[in-house]
Amino acid sequence: MSAPSMMSSLAAVVKEAKDEEIQVPKSDDFFESKTFRLLTLILYMGGVSGMGLTLAAYYLFIWDSRMPPLPVFKHTHPIG
């Protein structure tokens, strides 16, 4: 095969390849949608609020907030 005929056949292959439309997979369209952003916002707010409610329930029902009695020292004078 001579060089000019090889170049013309190569040019034909390139022209044919340019005419074909390359299909890009549309798998990540959902992750850029408004539905996905709204879903993540709801999950985030639910998680933060849930942790806040859990902490509030812990402090209300489980945590013991009583202070221990102050130690009494013998042979001391009260200050003040």
C-alpha atoms as a PDB file:
ATOM      1  CA  MET A   1       0.000   0.000   0.000  1.00  0.00           C
ATOM      2  CA  SER A   2       1.443   3.350  -0.968  1.00  0.00           C
ATOM      3  CA  ALA A   3       1.653   6.312   1.393  1.00  0.00           C
ATOM      4  CA  PRO A   4      -1.008   8.497  -0.331  1.00  0.00           C
ATOM      5  CA  SER A   5      -3.575   5.691  -0.433  1.00  0.00           C
ATOM      6  CA  MET A   6      -2.843   4.851   3.217  1.00  0.00           C
ATOM      7  CA  MET A   7      -3.337   8.508   4.174  1.00  0.00           C
ATOM      8  CA  SER A   8      -6.628   8.685   2.277  1.00  0.00           C
ATOM      9  CA  SER A   9      -7.915   5.501   3.933  1.00  0.00           C
ATOM     10  CA  LEU A  10      -6.790   6.847   7.323  1.00  0.00           C
ATOM     11  CA  ALA A  11      -8.578  10.129   6.605  1.00  0.00           C
ATOM     12  CA  ALA A  12     -11.730   8.186   5.710  1.00  0.00           C
ATOM     13  CA  VAL A  13     -11.550   6.274   9.002  1.00  0.00           C
ATOM     14  CA  VAL A  14     -11.068   9.518  10.957  1.00  0.00           C
ATOM     15  CA  LYS A  15     -13.972  11.177   9.117  1.00  0.00           C
ATOM     16  CA  GLU A  16     -16.201   8.181   9.821  1.00  0.00           C
ATOM     17  CA  ALA A  17     -15.210   8.203  13.502  1.00  0.00           C
ATOM     18  CA  LYS A  18     -16.017  11.928  13.757  1.00  0.00           C
ATOM     19  CA  ASP A  19     -19.480  11.344  12.336  1.00  0.00           C
ATOM     20  CA  GLU A  20     -20.350   8.760  15.001  1.00  0.00           C
ATOM     21  CA  GLU A  21     -21.889  10.117  18.156  1.00  0.00           C
ATOM     22  CA  ILE A  22     -20.256   8.817  21.300  1.00  0.00           C
ATOM     23  CA  GLN A  23     -22.814   7.910  23.947  1.00  0.00           C
ATOM     24  CA  VAL A  24     -21.851   9.014  27.449  1.00  0.00           C
ATOM     25  CA  PRO A  25     -23.448   7.028  30.258  1.00  0.00           C
ATOM     26  CA  LYS A  26     -26.043   9.067  32.149  1.00  0.00           C
ATOM     27  CA  SER A  27     -25.518   7.313  35.490  1.00  0.00           C
ATOM     28  CA  ASP A  28     -24.569  10.378  37.557  1.00  0.00           C
ATOM     29  CA  ASP A  29     -27.539  12.562  36.545  1.00  0.00           C
ATOM     30  CA  PHE A  30     -29.400  11.599  39.732  1.00  0.00           C
ATOM     31  CA  PHE A  31     -26.540  12.856  41.916  1.00  0.00           C
ATOM     32  CA  GLU A  32     -26.818  16.308  40.353  1.00  0.00           C
ATOM     33  CA  SER A  33     -30.607  16.496  40.557  1.00  0.00           C
ATOM     34  CA  LYS A  34     -32.700  18.636  42.861  1.00  0.00           C
ATOM     35  CA  THR A  35     -34.280  15.484  44.310  1.00  0.00           C
ATOM     36  CA  PHE A  36     -30.898  14.181  45.467  1.00  0.00           C
ATOM     37  CA  ARG A  37     -29.971  17.537  47.035  1.00  0.00           C
ATOM     38  CA  LEU A  38     -33.312  17.673  48.853  1.00  0.00           C
ATOM     39  CA  LEU A  39     -32.919  14.083  50.049  1.00  0.00           C
ATOM     40  CA  THR A  40     -29.425  14.759  51.400  1.00  0.00           C
ATOM     41  CA  LEU A  41     -30.626  17.915  53.128  1.00  0.00           C
ATOM     42  CA  ILE A  42     -33.472  16.022  54.817  1.00  0.00           C
ATOM     43  CA  LEU A  43     -31.127  13.216  55.898  1.00  0.00           C
ATOM     44  CA  TYR A  44     -28.575  15.704  57.257  1.00  0.00           C
ATOM     45  CA  MET A  45     -31.158  17.728  59.178  1.00  0.00           C
ATOM     46  CA  GLY A  46     -32.723  14.533  60.523  1.00  0.00           C
ATOM     47  CA  GLY A  47     -29.345  13.255  61.678  1.00  0.00           C
ATOM     48  CA  VAL A  48     -28.373  16.471  63.433  1.00  0.00           C
ATOM     49  CA  SER A  49     -31.803  16.875  65.027  1.00  0.00           C
ATOM     50  CA  GLY A  50     -31.861  13.224  66.057  1.00  0.00           C
ATOM     51  CA  MET A  51     -28.515  13.557  67.807  1.00  0.00           C
ATOM     52  CA  GLY A  52     -29.748  16.701  69.570  1.00  0.00           C
ATOM     53  CA  LEU A  53     -32.888  14.929  70.759  1.00  0.00           C
ATOM     54  CA  THR A  54     -30.815  11.965  71.948  1.00  0.00           C
ATOM     55  CA  LEU A  55     -28.525  14.260  73.926  1.00  0.00           C
ATOM     56  CA  ALA A  56     -31.498  16.115  75.432  1.00  0.00           C
ATOM     57  CA  ALA A  57     -33.138  12.828  76.475  1.00  0.00           C
ATOM     58  CA  TYR A  58     -29.853  11.702  78.038  1.00  0.00           C
ATOM     59  CA  TYR A  59     -29.567  14.887  80.100  1.00  0.00           C
ATOM     60  CA  LEU A  60     -33.229  14.740  81.153  1.00  0.00           C
ATOM     61  CA  PHE A  61     -33.535  11.075  82.107  1.00  0.00           C
ATOM     62  CA  ILE A  62     -30.087   9.519  82.655  1.00  0.00           C
ATOM     63  CA  TRP A  63     -27.518  12.105  83.719  1.00  0.00           C
ATOM     64  CA  ASP A  64     -27.187  12.669  87.489  1.00  0.00           C
ATOM     65  CA  SER A  65     -26.723  16.394  88.064  1.00  0.00           C
ATOM     66  CA  ARG A  66     -26.488  16.316  91.858  1.00  0.00           C
ATOM     67  CA  MET A  67     -23.305  17.792  93.273  1.00  0.00           C
ATOM     68  CA  PRO A  68     -21.367  15.773  95.841  1.00  0.00           C
ATOM     69  CA  PRO A  69     -21.301  17.269  99.345  1.00  0.00           C
ATOM     70  CA  LEU A  70     -18.497  19.692 100.059  1.00  0.00           C
ATOM     71  CA  PRO A  71     -15.741  18.241 102.226  1.00  0.00           C
ATOM     72  CA  VAL A  72     -15.636  19.412 105.836  1.00  0.00           C
ATOM     73  CA  PHE A  73     -12.163  20.192 107.128  1.00  0.00           C
ATOM     74  CA  LYS A  74     -11.489  19.936 110.848  1.00  0.00           C
ATOM     75  CA  HIS A  75      -9.621  22.640 112.783  1.00  0.00           C
ATOM     76  CA  THR A  76     -10.188  25.339 110.192  1.00  0.00           C
ATOM     77  CA  HIS A  77     -11.843  28.710 110.367  1.00  0.00           C
ATOM     78  CA  PRO A  78     -14.582  29.615 107.912  1.00  0.00           C
ATOM     79  CA  ILE A  79     -13.597  32.185 105.335  1.00  0.00           C
ATOM     80  CA  GLY A  80     -15.617  35.347 105.202  1.00  0.00           C
END
